Amino acid sequence: MPLNYAYVLVCPASEFSRTMEALAAFLSPEDREWLLASRPWAPAFTYTHHGQSEPYQRHGLIGPGSVPRAGRGLDYFTSGESFAFRFDRRSDPVLAAYDDEQNGPGGPPLVRAFADVGVVSVSIDVGQQYMVVDATAVTSAMSRLFESSTSIQAAWITMAQASRASGLFLDREAQDWEQLFPSRRMVEKPNEDAYVLADGIVPHVDLYCRAVLGLAGLLPTEQTT
């Protein structure tokens, strides 16, 4: 059974645009251009769940300025979209070895400074108070790279800082996951079955994010009562 490790980024919903810009900085030139051209961004849908239709059930994003992209309509972005990520390989032998194996040798130092790691499944869910970005590896090799590449971890921490994130986690499909920001430690993983539907939709984004942050001890005091 393939491994599907993931980076999970929880941010204030008010930092939506800042988070998208932070994400775009680490995409391939083509995907970065498409995402930035899609501004201004806004959540795409409001899902009805158990008879409710609330703002915190919004999922995905829609950009009125979107340009056509293969396999997608003019202005539609949905959960589970595949984005190609690019990371600095110059001081990361693990990433360089993966890149050489996947894309051919990079040659002398600085000939190929950045590694294209392939497409990553990205979902974006936006609530009233929080938003969550889930970037899941699509192969076991990519999952092991997520776990061991210092450059990739540093990039996600940079994204967390730039987006003023509440927390960043690495999900290894175990009982616990590793918190990478604002500090590094192992924390309890929430029961995703209680919040995530079978098709990956998070109908109650704020409840899920509060559970994530609460188990990590990152929930603001006024939200714990």
N, C-alpha and C. Protein backbone atom coordinates (compact mmCIF):
# COMPACT_ATOMS: atom_id res chain seq x y z
N MET A 1 0.86 -1.19 0.00
CA MET A 1 0.00 0.00 0.00
C MET A 1 0.90 1.24 0.00
N PRO A 2 0.69 2.19 -0.92
CA PRO A 2 1.58 3.34 -1.01
C PRO A 2 1.44 4.25 0.20
N LEU A 3 2.53 4.94 0.52
CA LEU A 3 2.51 5.94 1.57
C LEU A 3 2.00 7.25 1.00
N ASN A 4 1.22 7.95 1.81
CA ASN A 4 0.70 9.25 1.38
C ASN A 4 0.87 10.26 2.52
N TYR A 5 2.12 10.64 2.78
CA TYR A 5 2.41 11.62 3.81
C TYR A 5 1.93 13.00 3.35
N ALA A 6 1.68 13.88 4.32
CA ALA A 6 1.14 15.19 3.96
C ALA A 6 1.64 16.28 4.89
N TYR A 7 1.77 17.48 4.33
CA TYR A 7 1.96 18.68 5.12
C TYR A 7 0.59 19.32 5.33
N VAL A 8 0.32 19.70 6.58
CA VAL A 8 -0.97 20.29 6.94
C VAL A 8 -0.70 21.67 7.53
N LEU A 9 -1.21 22.69 6.87
CA LEU A 9 -0.97 24.07 7.27
C LEU A 9 -2.29 24.70 7.70
N VAL A 10 -2.36 25.13 8.96
CA VAL A 10 -3.56 25.76 9.51
C VAL A 10 -3.28 27.25 9.70
N CYS A 11 -4.11 28.09 9.09
CA CYS A 11 -3.91 29.54 9.12
C CYS A 11 -5.21 30.25 9.46
N PRO A 12 -5.13 31.47 9.94
CA PRO A 12 -6.35 32.27 10.09
C PRO A 12 -6.99 32.49 8.72
N ALA A 13 -8.29 32.40 8.64
CA ALA A 13 -8.97 32.61 7.37
C ALA A 13 -8.72 34.01 6.82
N SER A 14 -8.45 34.94 7.70
CA SER A 14 -8.18 36.31 7.28
C SER A 14 -6.88 36.43 6.49
N GLU A 15 -6.03 35.39 6.56
CA GLU A 15 -4.75 35.41 5.85
C GLU A 15 -4.82 34.59 4.55
N PHE A 16 -6.01 34.46 4.00
CA PHE A 16 -6.20 33.61 2.83
C PHE A 16 -5.29 34.03 1.67
N SER A 17 -5.33 35.29 1.29
CA SER A 17 -4.52 35.75 0.15
C SER A 17 -3.03 35.62 0.45
N ARG A 18 -2.63 35.95 1.67
CA ARG A 18 -1.23 35.82 2.05
C ARG A 18 -0.78 34.36 1.95
N THR A 19 -1.65 33.43 2.34
CA THR A 19 -1.32 32.01 2.28
C THR A 19 -1.17 31.54 0.84
N MET A 20 -2.05 31.98 -0.04
CA MET A 20 -1.95 31.61 -1.44
C MET A 20 -0.67 32.13 -2.07
N GLU A 21 -0.26 33.34 -1.71
CA GLU A 21 0.98 33.90 -2.23
C GLU A 21 2.19 33.12 -1.71
N ALA A 22 2.14 32.70 -0.45
CA ALA A 22 3.23 31.90 0.13
C ALA A 22 3.33 30.55 -0.57
N LEU A 23 2.18 29.95 -0.87
CA LEU A 23 2.14 28.68 -1.58
C LEU A 23 2.70 28.84 -3.00
N ALA A 24 2.29 29.89 -3.67
CA ALA A 24 2.71 30.11 -5.06
C ALA A 24 4.22 30.23 -5.18
N ALA A 25 4.88 30.73 -4.15
CA ALA A 25 6.33 30.95 -4.20
C ALA A 25 7.11 29.67 -4.39
N PHE A 26 6.51 28.52 -4.07
CA PHE A 26 7.22 27.25 -4.17
C PHE A 26 6.64 26.32 -5.24
N LEU A 27 5.87 26.88 -6.15
CA LEU A 27 5.33 26.10 -7.26
C LEU A 27 6.24 26.23 -8.48
N SER A 28 6.05 25.33 -9.43
CA SER A 28 6.75 25.44 -10.71
C SER A 28 6.34 26.75 -11.37
N PRO A 29 7.16 27.29 -12.27
CA PRO A 29 6.82 28.57 -12.90
C PRO A 29 5.44 28.58 -13.54
N GLU A 30 5.06 27.48 -14.20
CA GLU A 30 3.76 27.43 -14.87
C GLU A 30 2.61 27.49 -13.87
N ASP A 31 2.70 26.68 -12.80
CA ASP A 31 1.63 26.67 -11.82
C ASP A 31 1.60 27.96 -11.01
N ARG A 32 2.78 28.51 -10.71
CA ARG A 32 2.83 29.78 -9.99
C ARG A 32 2.16 30.88 -10.81
N GLU A 33 2.46 30.92 -12.09
CA GLU A 33 1.86 31.94 -12.96
C GLU A 33 0.36 31.80 -12.99
N TRP A 34 -0.13 30.55 -13.09
CA TRP A 34 -1.58 30.34 -13.14
C TRP A 34 -2.24 30.78 -11.83
N LEU A 35 -1.65 30.39 -10.70
CA LEU A 35 -2.28 30.71 -9.42
C LEU A 35 -2.28 32.22 -9.17
N LEU A 36 -1.20 32.89 -9.47
CA LEU A 36 -1.14 34.32 -9.26
C LEU A 36 -2.06 35.07 -10.23
N ALA A 37 -2.22 34.53 -11.43
CA ALA A 37 -3.12 35.15 -12.40
C ALA A 37 -4.58 35.00 -12.01
N SER A 38 -4.87 34.12 -11.06
CA SER A 38 -6.24 33.86 -10.64
C SER A 38 -6.75 34.85 -9.61
N ARG A 39 -5.89 35.79 -9.19
CA ARG A 39 -6.34 36.79 -8.21
C ARG A 39 -7.36 37.75 -8.83
N PRO A 40 -8.27 38.29 -8.02
CA PRO A 40 -8.41 38.10 -6.57
C PRO A 40 -9.06 36.76 -6.24
N TRP A 41 -8.59 36.12 -5.18
CA TRP A 41 -9.09 34.81 -4.82
C TRP A 41 -10.29 34.92 -3.88
N ALA A 42 -11.14 33.91 -3.94
CA ALA A 42 -12.27 33.82 -3.02
C ALA A 42 -12.70 32.37 -2.93
N PRO A 43 -13.27 31.95 -1.81
CA PRO A 43 -13.77 30.57 -1.70
C PRO A 43 -14.81 30.27 -2.76
N ALA A 44 -14.81 29.03 -3.24
CA ALA A 44 -15.62 28.69 -4.41
C ALA A 44 -17.04 28.24 -4.08
N PHE A 45 -17.20 27.45 -3.04
CA PHE A 45 -18.49 26.83 -2.82
C PHE A 45 -18.91 26.94 -1.36
N THR A 46 -20.21 26.82 -1.13
CA THR A 46 -20.75 26.61 0.20
C THR A 46 -21.47 25.28 0.19
N TYR A 47 -20.97 24.33 0.96
CA TYR A 47 -21.56 23.00 0.99
C TYR A 47 -22.70 22.94 2.01
N THR A 48 -23.74 22.24 1.65
CA THR A 48 -24.83 21.96 2.58
C THR A 48 -24.59 20.60 3.21
N HIS A 49 -24.58 20.56 4.53
CA HIS A 49 -24.26 19.33 5.24
C HIS A 49 -25.24 19.17 6.39
N HIS A 50 -25.96 18.05 6.43
CA HIS A 50 -26.96 17.80 7.47
C HIS A 50 -27.97 18.96 7.55
N GLY A 51 -28.36 19.45 6.38
CA GLY A 51 -29.38 20.48 6.34
C GLY A 51 -28.87 21.88 6.63
N GLN A 52 -27.55 22.02 6.85
CA GLN A 52 -26.99 23.32 7.16
C GLN A 52 -26.26 23.87 5.94
N SER A 53 -26.25 25.16 5.81
CA SER A 53 -25.47 25.81 4.76
C SER A 53 -24.83 27.04 5.39
N GLU A 54 -23.58 26.90 5.79
CA GLU A 54 -22.91 27.94 6.57
C GLU A 54 -21.63 28.39 5.88
N PRO A 55 -21.18 29.61 6.16
CA PRO A 55 -19.94 30.09 5.54
C PRO A 55 -18.74 29.20 5.83
N TYR A 56 -18.70 28.57 7.01
CA TYR A 56 -17.53 27.76 7.35
C TYR A 56 -17.48 26.46 6.55
N GLN A 57 -18.47 26.21 5.68
CA GLN A 57 -18.44 25.01 4.86
C GLN A 57 -17.88 25.29 3.47
N ARG A 58 -17.35 26.47 3.25
CA ARG A 58 -16.78 26.79 1.95
C ARG A 58 -15.54 25.95 1.69
N HIS A 59 -15.31 25.62 0.44
CA HIS A 59 -14.29 24.65 0.11
C HIS A 59 -13.68 24.98 -1.24
N GLY A 60 -12.37 25.02 -1.31
CA GLY A 60 -11.71 25.35 -2.56
C GLY A 60 -11.68 26.85 -2.77
N LEU A 61 -11.32 27.28 -3.95
CA LEU A 61 -11.30 28.71 -4.22
C LEU A 61 -11.61 28.96 -5.68
N ILE A 62 -12.04 30.17 -5.95
CA ILE A 62 -12.33 30.56 -7.32
C ILE A 62 -11.67 31.91 -7.55
N GLY A 63 -11.01 32.07 -8.68
CA GLY A 63 -10.35 33.32 -9.00
C GLY A 63 -10.97 33.94 -10.23
N PRO A 64 -11.63 35.09 -10.11
CA PRO A 64 -12.24 35.72 -11.27
C PRO A 64 -11.25 36.00 -12.40
N GLY A 65 -9.96 36.14 -12.06
CA GLY A 65 -8.97 36.42 -13.08
C GLY A 65 -8.30 35.18 -13.63
N SER A 66 -8.82 34.00 -13.32
CA SER A 66 -8.17 32.76 -13.72
C SER A 66 -8.01 32.66 -15.23
N VAL A 67 -6.93 32.01 -15.63
CA VAL A 67 -6.68 31.75 -17.04
C VAL A 67 -6.88 30.27 -17.31
N PRO A 68 -7.18 29.88 -18.57
CA PRO A 68 -7.40 28.46 -18.87
C PRO A 68 -6.18 27.62 -18.51
N ARG A 69 -6.44 26.44 -18.00
CA ARG A 69 -5.38 25.50 -17.67
C ARG A 69 -5.85 24.12 -18.04
N ALA A 70 -4.96 23.28 -18.55
CA ALA A 70 -5.34 21.95 -19.03
C ALA A 70 -6.10 21.19 -17.97
N GLY A 71 -7.24 20.61 -18.37
CA GLY A 71 -8.01 19.76 -17.47
C GLY A 71 -8.88 20.53 -16.51
N ARG A 72 -9.00 21.87 -16.71
CA ARG A 72 -9.78 22.64 -15.76
C ARG A 72 -10.49 23.76 -16.50
N GLY A 73 -11.61 24.17 -16.00
CA GLY A 73 -12.33 25.28 -16.60
C GLY A 73 -11.61 26.59 -16.39
N LEU A 74 -12.21 27.64 -16.88
CA LEU A 74 -11.56 28.94 -16.89
C LEU A 74 -11.25 29.47 -15.49
N ASP A 75 -12.18 29.30 -14.55
CA ASP A 75 -11.98 29.97 -13.27
C ASP A 75 -12.36 29.06 -12.09
N TYR A 76 -11.95 27.81 -12.17
CA TYR A 76 -12.40 26.85 -11.16
C TYR A 76 -11.22 26.15 -10.53
N PHE A 77 -11.16 26.17 -9.22
CA PHE A 77 -10.15 25.44 -8.47
C PHE A 77 -10.87 24.56 -7.46
N THR A 78 -10.54 23.30 -7.41
CA THR A 78 -11.23 22.40 -6.51
C THR A 78 -10.26 21.63 -5.64
N SER A 79 -10.74 21.08 -4.56
CA SER A 79 -9.90 20.28 -3.67
C SER A 79 -9.27 19.12 -4.42
N GLY A 80 -8.05 18.76 -4.01
CA GLY A 80 -7.39 17.64 -4.63
C GLY A 80 -6.70 17.98 -5.93
N GLU A 81 -6.60 19.26 -6.24
CA GLU A 81 -5.90 19.66 -7.46
C GLU A 81 -4.42 19.29 -7.35
N SER A 82 -3.81 18.96 -8.47
CA SER A 82 -2.39 18.61 -8.47
C SER A 82 -1.56 19.83 -8.85
N PHE A 83 -0.66 20.22 -7.97
CA PHE A 83 0.26 21.31 -8.23
C PHE A 83 1.68 20.76 -8.25
N ALA A 84 2.50 21.27 -9.15
CA ALA A 84 3.90 20.88 -9.23
C ALA A 84 4.72 21.82 -8.36
N PHE A 85 5.43 21.25 -7.40
CA PHE A 85 6.25 22.04 -6.47
C PHE A 85 7.71 22.01 -6.89
N ARG A 86 8.42 23.07 -6.52
CA ARG A 86 9.85 23.20 -6.84
C ARG A 86 10.58 23.70 -5.59
N PHE A 87 11.66 23.00 -5.22
CA PHE A 87 12.41 23.34 -4.00
C PHE A 87 13.91 23.42 -4.30
N ASP A 88 14.60 24.17 -3.47
CA ASP A 88 16.04 24.38 -3.61
C ASP A 88 16.79 23.09 -3.25
N ARG A 89 17.58 22.56 -4.17
CA ARG A 89 18.29 21.29 -3.96
C ARG A 89 19.76 21.48 -3.63
N ARG A 90 20.25 22.73 -3.62
CA ARG A 90 21.69 22.96 -3.57
C ARG A 90 22.36 22.49 -2.29
N SER A 91 21.67 22.56 -1.16
CA SER A 91 22.27 22.14 0.10
C SER A 91 21.52 20.95 0.70
N ASP A 92 20.84 20.21 -0.15
CA ASP A 92 20.02 19.08 0.31
C ASP A 92 20.33 17.85 -0.53
N PRO A 93 21.28 17.01 -0.09
CA PRO A 93 21.64 15.83 -0.88
C PRO A 93 20.49 14.85 -1.08
N VAL A 94 19.58 14.78 -0.12
CA VAL A 94 18.43 13.87 -0.25
C VAL A 94 17.54 14.33 -1.41
N LEU A 95 17.25 15.61 -1.46
CA LEU A 95 16.42 16.14 -2.53
C LEU A 95 17.14 16.05 -3.87
N ALA A 96 18.45 16.32 -3.88
CA ALA A 96 19.22 16.24 -5.12
C ALA A 96 19.21 14.82 -5.68
N ALA A 97 19.36 13.82 -4.80
CA ALA A 97 19.36 12.44 -5.24
C ALA A 97 18.00 12.05 -5.80
N TYR A 98 16.92 12.48 -5.15
CA TYR A 98 15.56 12.21 -5.65
C TYR A 98 15.37 12.86 -7.02
N ASP A 99 15.80 14.11 -7.14
CA ASP A 99 15.65 14.84 -8.39
C ASP A 99 16.43 14.18 -9.52
N ASP A 100 17.66 13.75 -9.23
CA ASP A 100 18.48 13.09 -10.24
C ASP A 100 17.83 11.79 -10.70
N GLU A 101 17.25 11.06 -9.75
CA GLU A 101 16.62 9.78 -10.09
C GLU A 101 15.36 10.00 -10.92
N GLN A 102 14.59 11.04 -10.58
CA GLN A 102 13.32 11.29 -11.27
C GLN A 102 13.51 12.02 -12.59
N ASN A 103 14.46 12.94 -12.64
CA ASN A 103 14.56 13.85 -13.79
C ASN A 103 15.90 13.81 -14.50
N GLY A 104 16.81 12.93 -14.08
CA GLY A 104 18.13 12.90 -14.68
C GLY A 104 19.11 13.72 -13.87
N PRO A 105 20.41 13.39 -13.97
CA PRO A 105 21.43 14.07 -13.17
C PRO A 105 21.40 15.58 -13.39
N GLY A 106 21.65 16.30 -12.30
CA GLY A 106 21.64 17.75 -12.36
C GLY A 106 22.92 18.35 -12.86
N GLY A 107 23.99 17.56 -12.96
CA GLY A 107 25.26 18.07 -13.45
C GLY A 107 26.03 18.76 -12.34
N PRO A 108 27.01 19.57 -12.71
CA PRO A 108 27.82 20.27 -11.71
C PRO A 108 26.96 21.14 -10.80
N PRO A 109 27.49 21.52 -9.62
CA PRO A 109 26.72 22.37 -8.72
C PRO A 109 26.22 23.63 -9.41
N LEU A 110 25.00 24.02 -9.05
CA LEU A 110 24.33 25.23 -9.54
C LEU A 110 23.83 25.13 -10.98
N VAL A 111 24.13 24.01 -11.67
CA VAL A 111 23.56 23.85 -13.02
C VAL A 111 22.05 23.74 -12.90
N ARG A 112 21.58 22.95 -11.95
CA ARG A 112 20.15 22.90 -11.68
C ARG A 112 19.97 23.16 -10.19
N ALA A 113 19.63 24.37 -9.85
CA ALA A 113 19.55 24.77 -8.45
C ALA A 113 18.27 24.28 -7.78
N PHE A 114 17.22 24.09 -8.58
CA PHE A 114 15.93 23.73 -8.00
C PHE A 114 15.46 22.38 -8.52
N ALA A 115 14.78 21.64 -7.65
CA ALA A 115 14.29 20.32 -7.99
C ALA A 115 12.78 20.36 -8.15
N ASP A 116 12.29 19.80 -9.25
CA ASP A 116 10.86 19.61 -9.45
C ASP A 116 10.49 18.26 -8.85
N VAL A 117 9.72 18.26 -7.77
CA VAL A 117 9.44 17.01 -7.06
C VAL A 117 8.24 16.28 -7.65
N GLY A 118 7.57 16.87 -8.62
CA GLY A 118 6.39 16.24 -9.19
C GLY A 118 5.12 16.85 -8.63
N VAL A 119 3.99 16.33 -9.08
CA VAL A 119 2.71 16.91 -8.66
C VAL A 119 2.34 16.43 -7.26
N VAL A 120 1.76 17.33 -6.50
CA VAL A 120 1.32 17.07 -5.13
C VAL A 120 -0.17 17.37 -5.07
N SER A 121 -0.94 16.51 -4.42
CA SER A 121 -2.38 16.73 -4.30
C SER A 121 -2.63 17.76 -3.20
N VAL A 122 -3.23 18.88 -3.58
CA VAL A 122 -3.44 19.99 -2.65
C VAL A 122 -4.92 20.24 -2.46
N SER A 123 -5.38 20.29 -1.22
CA SER A 123 -6.75 20.68 -0.93
C SER A 123 -6.73 21.92 -0.04
N ILE A 124 -7.71 22.78 -0.23
CA ILE A 124 -7.82 24.03 0.51
C ILE A 124 -9.24 24.15 1.03
N ASP A 125 -9.38 24.28 2.33
CA ASP A 125 -10.70 24.43 2.95
C ASP A 125 -10.69 25.69 3.79
N VAL A 126 -11.72 26.51 3.64
CA VAL A 126 -11.76 27.81 4.28
C VAL A 126 -13.00 27.92 5.16
N GLY A 127 -12.79 28.30 6.41
CA GLY A 127 -13.90 28.52 7.32
C GLY A 127 -14.10 29.99 7.61
N GLN A 128 -14.86 30.29 8.64
CA GLN A 128 -15.04 31.68 9.07
C GLN A 128 -13.81 32.17 9.82
N GLN A 129 -13.20 31.28 10.59
CA GLN A 129 -12.09 31.66 11.45
C GLN A 129 -10.75 31.11 10.97
N TYR A 130 -10.77 29.89 10.44
CA TYR A 130 -9.53 29.23 10.03
C TYR A 130 -9.62 28.72 8.60
N MET A 131 -8.47 28.42 8.04
CA MET A 131 -8.37 27.71 6.77
C MET A 131 -7.29 26.65 6.93
N VAL A 132 -7.38 25.60 6.12
CA VAL A 132 -6.39 24.52 6.19
C VAL A 132 -5.98 24.14 4.77
N VAL A 133 -4.67 24.03 4.58
CA VAL A 133 -4.09 23.57 3.32
C VAL A 133 -3.47 22.21 3.58
N ASP A 134 -3.87 21.21 2.81
CA ASP A 134 -3.34 19.86 2.92
C ASP A 134 -2.62 19.52 1.62
N ALA A 135 -1.32 19.26 1.72
CA ALA A 135 -0.52 18.91 0.54
C ALA A 135 -0.03 17.47 0.72
N THR A 136 -0.60 16.55 -0.06
CA THR A 136 -0.37 15.12 0.12
C THR A 136 0.50 14.55 -0.99
N ALA A 137 1.53 13.81 -0.59
CA ALA A 137 2.39 13.14 -1.55
C ALA A 137 1.59 12.06 -2.27
N VAL A 138 1.86 11.87 -3.55
CA VAL A 138 1.08 10.91 -4.35
C VAL A 138 1.81 9.59 -4.55
N THR A 139 3.05 9.48 -4.08
CA THR A 139 3.80 8.23 -4.18
C THR A 139 4.54 7.99 -2.87
N SER A 140 4.96 6.75 -2.65
CA SER A 140 5.75 6.43 -1.46
C SER A 140 7.10 7.13 -1.48
N ALA A 141 7.71 7.21 -2.66
CA ALA A 141 9.01 7.88 -2.77
C ALA A 141 8.88 9.35 -2.40
N MET A 142 7.81 9.99 -2.85
CA MET A 142 7.60 11.39 -2.51
C MET A 142 7.31 11.55 -1.02
N SER A 143 6.59 10.59 -0.45
CA SER A 143 6.31 10.63 0.99
C SER A 143 7.60 10.57 1.80
N ARG A 144 8.49 9.67 1.42
CA ARG A 144 9.77 9.58 2.14
C ARG A 144 10.59 10.84 1.95
N LEU A 145 10.46 11.47 0.79
CA LEU A 145 11.14 12.74 0.55
C LEU A 145 10.57 13.83 1.46
N PHE A 146 9.25 13.90 1.59
CA PHE A 146 8.61 14.86 2.49
C PHE A 146 9.18 14.73 3.90
N GLU A 147 9.43 13.50 4.29
CA GLU A 147 9.88 13.23 5.66
C GLU A 147 11.35 13.58 5.87
N SER A 148 12.19 13.37 4.84
CA SER A 148 13.64 13.45 5.05
C SER A 148 14.32 14.66 4.44
N SER A 149 13.64 15.39 3.56
CA SER A 149 14.27 16.54 2.89
C SER A 149 14.26 17.77 3.79
N THR A 150 15.45 18.26 4.13
CA THR A 150 15.53 19.48 4.95
C THR A 150 15.07 20.70 4.16
N SER A 151 15.30 20.71 2.86
CA SER A 151 14.89 21.85 2.04
C SER A 151 13.37 21.96 1.96
N ILE A 152 12.69 20.83 1.80
CA ILE A 152 11.23 20.85 1.71
C ILE A 152 10.62 21.27 3.05
N GLN A 153 11.15 20.72 4.14
CA GLN A 153 10.64 21.13 5.45
C GLN A 153 10.87 22.61 5.69
N ALA A 154 12.05 23.11 5.31
CA ALA A 154 12.34 24.53 5.49
C ALA A 154 11.40 25.39 4.65
N ALA A 155 11.08 24.92 3.45
CA ALA A 155 10.17 25.67 2.59
C ALA A 155 8.79 25.77 3.22
N TRP A 156 8.30 24.67 3.79
CA TRP A 156 6.97 24.71 4.41
C TRP A 156 6.98 25.58 5.66
N ILE A 157 8.07 25.59 6.41
CA ILE A 157 8.16 26.49 7.56
C ILE A 157 8.16 27.94 7.09
N THR A 158 8.85 28.22 5.98
CA THR A 158 8.82 29.56 5.40
C THR A 158 7.40 29.94 5.01
N MET A 159 6.67 29.00 4.39
CA MET A 159 5.27 29.25 4.04
C MET A 159 4.45 29.56 5.28
N ALA A 160 4.68 28.80 6.35
CA ALA A 160 3.93 29.01 7.60
C ALA A 160 4.21 30.40 8.17
N GLN A 161 5.47 30.79 8.16
CA GLN A 161 5.82 32.12 8.67
C GLN A 161 5.21 33.22 7.81
N ALA A 162 5.29 33.06 6.49
CA ALA A 162 4.78 34.09 5.58
C ALA A 162 3.27 34.24 5.65
N SER A 163 2.58 33.14 5.94
CA SER A 163 1.12 33.17 5.99
C SER A 163 0.58 33.42 7.39
N ARG A 164 1.48 33.67 8.34
CA ARG A 164 1.09 33.90 9.73
C ARG A 164 0.27 32.73 10.27
N ALA A 165 0.78 31.54 10.00
CA ALA A 165 0.05 30.31 10.32
C ALA A 165 -0.09 30.09 11.82
N SER A 166 -1.15 29.40 12.17
CA SER A 166 -1.35 28.98 13.56
C SER A 166 -0.57 27.71 13.87
N GLY A 167 -0.36 26.88 12.84
CA GLY A 167 0.38 25.64 13.04
C GLY A 167 0.68 24.96 11.72
N LEU A 168 1.80 24.24 11.70
CA LEU A 168 2.21 23.44 10.54
C LEU A 168 2.58 22.05 11.03
N PHE A 169 2.09 21.02 10.33
CA PHE A 169 2.28 19.65 10.79
C PHE A 169 2.67 18.74 9.61
N LEU A 170 3.44 17.70 9.93
CA LEU A 170 3.75 16.65 8.96
C LEU A 170 3.01 15.39 9.38
N ASP A 171 2.12 14.95 8.53
CA ASP A 171 1.28 13.77 8.80
C ASP A 171 1.93 12.55 8.15
N ARG A 172 2.41 11.62 8.98
CA ARG A 172 3.03 10.38 8.49
C ARG A 172 2.07 9.20 8.55
N GLU A 173 0.79 9.46 8.60
CA GLU A 173 -0.23 8.41 8.65
C GLU A 173 -0.06 7.54 9.88
N ALA A 174 0.28 8.17 11.00
CA ALA A 174 0.44 7.47 12.27
C ALA A 174 -0.48 8.11 13.30
N GLN A 175 -0.43 7.61 14.55
CA GLN A 175 -1.29 8.16 15.59
C GLN A 175 -0.94 9.60 15.91
N ASP A 176 0.35 9.91 15.87
CA ASP A 176 0.82 11.27 16.13
C ASP A 176 1.33 11.88 14.84
N TRP A 177 1.39 13.19 14.78
CA TRP A 177 2.08 13.84 13.68
C TRP A 177 3.06 14.85 14.22
N GLU A 178 4.00 15.26 13.39
CA GLU A 178 5.06 16.14 13.84
C GLU A 178 4.67 17.59 13.61
N GLN A 179 4.68 18.36 14.70
CA GLN A 179 4.47 19.80 14.57
C GLN A 179 5.80 20.42 14.17
N LEU A 180 5.78 21.22 13.10
CA LEU A 180 6.99 21.87 12.60
C LEU A 180 7.02 23.37 12.88
N PHE A 181 5.87 23.95 13.14
CA PHE A 181 5.76 25.38 13.40
C PHE A 181 4.53 25.61 14.27
N PRO A 182 4.60 26.46 15.30
CA PRO A 182 5.67 27.39 15.64
C PRO A 182 6.85 26.78 16.39
N SER A 183 6.76 25.52 16.78
CA SER A 183 7.87 24.81 17.39
C SER A 183 7.85 23.38 16.88
N ARG A 184 8.91 22.64 17.15
CA ARG A 184 9.01 21.26 16.66
C ARG A 184 8.78 20.29 17.81
N ARG A 185 7.80 19.41 17.64
CA ARG A 185 7.52 18.36 18.62
C ARG A 185 6.47 17.43 18.05
N MET A 186 6.31 16.28 18.67
CA MET A 186 5.26 15.35 18.28
C MET A 186 3.99 15.69 19.04
N VAL A 187 2.87 15.69 18.31
CA VAL A 187 1.58 16.01 18.92
C VAL A 187 0.55 14.98 18.48
N GLU A 188 -0.54 14.92 19.23
CA GLU A 188 -1.61 13.97 18.91
C GLU A 188 -2.33 14.40 17.64
N LYS A 189 -2.62 13.42 16.82
CA LYS A 189 -3.34 13.67 15.57
C LYS A 189 -4.85 13.60 15.83
N PRO A 190 -5.63 14.52 15.29
CA PRO A 190 -7.08 14.46 15.49
C PRO A 190 -7.71 13.30 14.74
N ASN A 191 -8.88 12.91 15.18
CA ASN A 191 -9.63 11.87 14.50
C ASN A 191 -10.27 12.47 13.25
N GLU A 192 -9.62 12.27 12.11
CA GLU A 192 -10.10 12.91 10.88
C GLU A 192 -11.49 12.42 10.47
N ASP A 193 -11.83 11.19 10.83
CA ASP A 193 -13.13 10.64 10.45
C ASP A 193 -14.28 11.47 11.02
N ALA A 194 -14.02 12.18 12.10
CA ALA A 194 -15.07 12.99 12.72
C ALA A 194 -15.30 14.30 11.99
N TYR A 195 -14.38 14.66 11.10
CA TYR A 195 -14.47 15.98 10.45
C TYR A 195 -14.42 15.93 8.93
N VAL A 196 -13.81 14.88 8.37
CA VAL A 196 -13.57 14.82 6.93
C VAL A 196 -14.50 13.80 6.30
N LEU A 197 -15.20 14.19 5.24
CA LEU A 197 -16.09 13.28 4.52
C LEU A 197 -15.28 12.33 3.64
N ALA A 198 -15.93 11.32 3.11
CA ALA A 198 -15.25 10.28 2.34
C ALA A 198 -14.53 10.83 1.12
N ASP A 199 -15.04 11.90 0.53
CA ASP A 199 -14.42 12.46 -0.66
C ASP A 199 -13.38 13.52 -0.34
N GLY A 200 -12.97 13.61 0.94
CA GLY A 200 -11.92 14.54 1.33
C GLY A 200 -12.42 15.91 1.72
N ILE A 201 -13.71 16.16 1.61
CA ILE A 201 -14.26 17.47 1.98
C ILE A 201 -14.29 17.62 3.50
N VAL A 202 -13.90 18.80 3.98
CA VAL A 202 -13.98 19.12 5.40
C VAL A 202 -15.18 20.05 5.58
N PRO A 203 -16.35 19.51 5.93
CA PRO A 203 -17.55 20.35 5.97
C PRO A 203 -17.55 21.35 7.13
N HIS A 204 -16.84 21.04 8.21
CA HIS A 204 -16.79 21.93 9.36
C HIS A 204 -15.34 22.31 9.60
N VAL A 205 -14.86 23.26 8.80
CA VAL A 205 -13.45 23.60 8.79
C VAL A 205 -12.99 24.13 10.14
N ASP A 206 -13.76 25.04 10.73
CA ASP A 206 -13.33 25.65 11.99
C ASP A 206 -13.28 24.62 13.12
N LEU A 207 -14.25 23.71 13.17
CA LEU A 207 -14.23 22.67 14.20
C LEU A 207 -12.99 21.79 14.04
N TYR A 208 -12.67 21.42 12.81
CA TYR A 208 -11.49 20.60 12.54
C TYR A 208 -10.21 21.33 12.94
N CYS A 209 -10.10 22.58 12.53
CA CYS A 209 -8.88 23.33 12.85
C CYS A 209 -8.73 23.55 14.35
N ARG A 210 -9.84 23.81 15.02
CA ARG A 210 -9.76 23.97 16.48
C ARG A 210 -9.33 22.68 17.15
N ALA A 211 -9.78 21.54 16.61
CA ALA A 211 -9.36 20.25 17.16
C ALA A 211 -7.85 20.05 16.95
N VAL A 212 -7.37 20.38 15.74
CA VAL A 212 -5.94 20.26 15.44
C VAL A 212 -5.12 21.10 16.40
N LEU A 213 -5.50 22.37 16.52
CA LEU A 213 -4.73 23.30 17.35
C LEU A 213 -4.89 22.99 18.83
N GLY A 214 -6.07 22.53 19.23
CA GLY A 214 -6.28 22.19 20.63
C GLY A 214 -5.41 21.04 21.08
N LEU A 215 -5.32 19.99 20.27
CA LEU A 215 -4.47 18.84 20.62
C LEU A 215 -3.00 19.22 20.65
N ALA A 216 -2.62 20.25 19.88
CA ALA A 216 -1.23 20.69 19.85
C ALA A 216 -0.95 21.76 20.90
N GLY A 217 -1.97 22.16 21.66
CA GLY A 217 -1.78 23.19 22.65
C GLY A 217 -1.57 24.56 22.03
N LEU A 218 -2.09 24.79 20.81
CA LEU A 218 -1.90 26.05 20.10
C LEU A 218 -3.17 26.88 20.01
N LEU A 219 -4.24 26.41 20.64
CA LEU A 219 -5.50 27.15 20.55
C LEU A 219 -5.46 28.32 21.49
N PRO A 220 -5.81 29.53 21.01
CA PRO A 220 -5.85 30.69 21.90
C PRO A 220 -6.74 30.44 23.10
N THR A 221 -6.38 31.02 24.24
CA THR A 221 -7.07 30.74 25.49
C THR A 221 -8.56 31.01 25.40
N GLU A 222 -8.96 32.08 24.72
CA GLU A 222 -10.37 32.43 24.65
C GLU A 222 -11.19 31.42 23.87
N GLN A 223 -10.53 30.55 23.08
CA GLN A 223 -11.24 29.55 22.28
C GLN A 223 -11.33 28.20 22.98
N THR A 224 -10.69 28.06 24.11
CA THR A 224 -10.69 26.78 24.82
C THR A 224 -11.83 26.67 25.80
N THR A 225 -12.55 27.75 26.02
CA THR A 225 -13.64 27.72 26.98
C THR A 225 -14.97 27.53 26.28
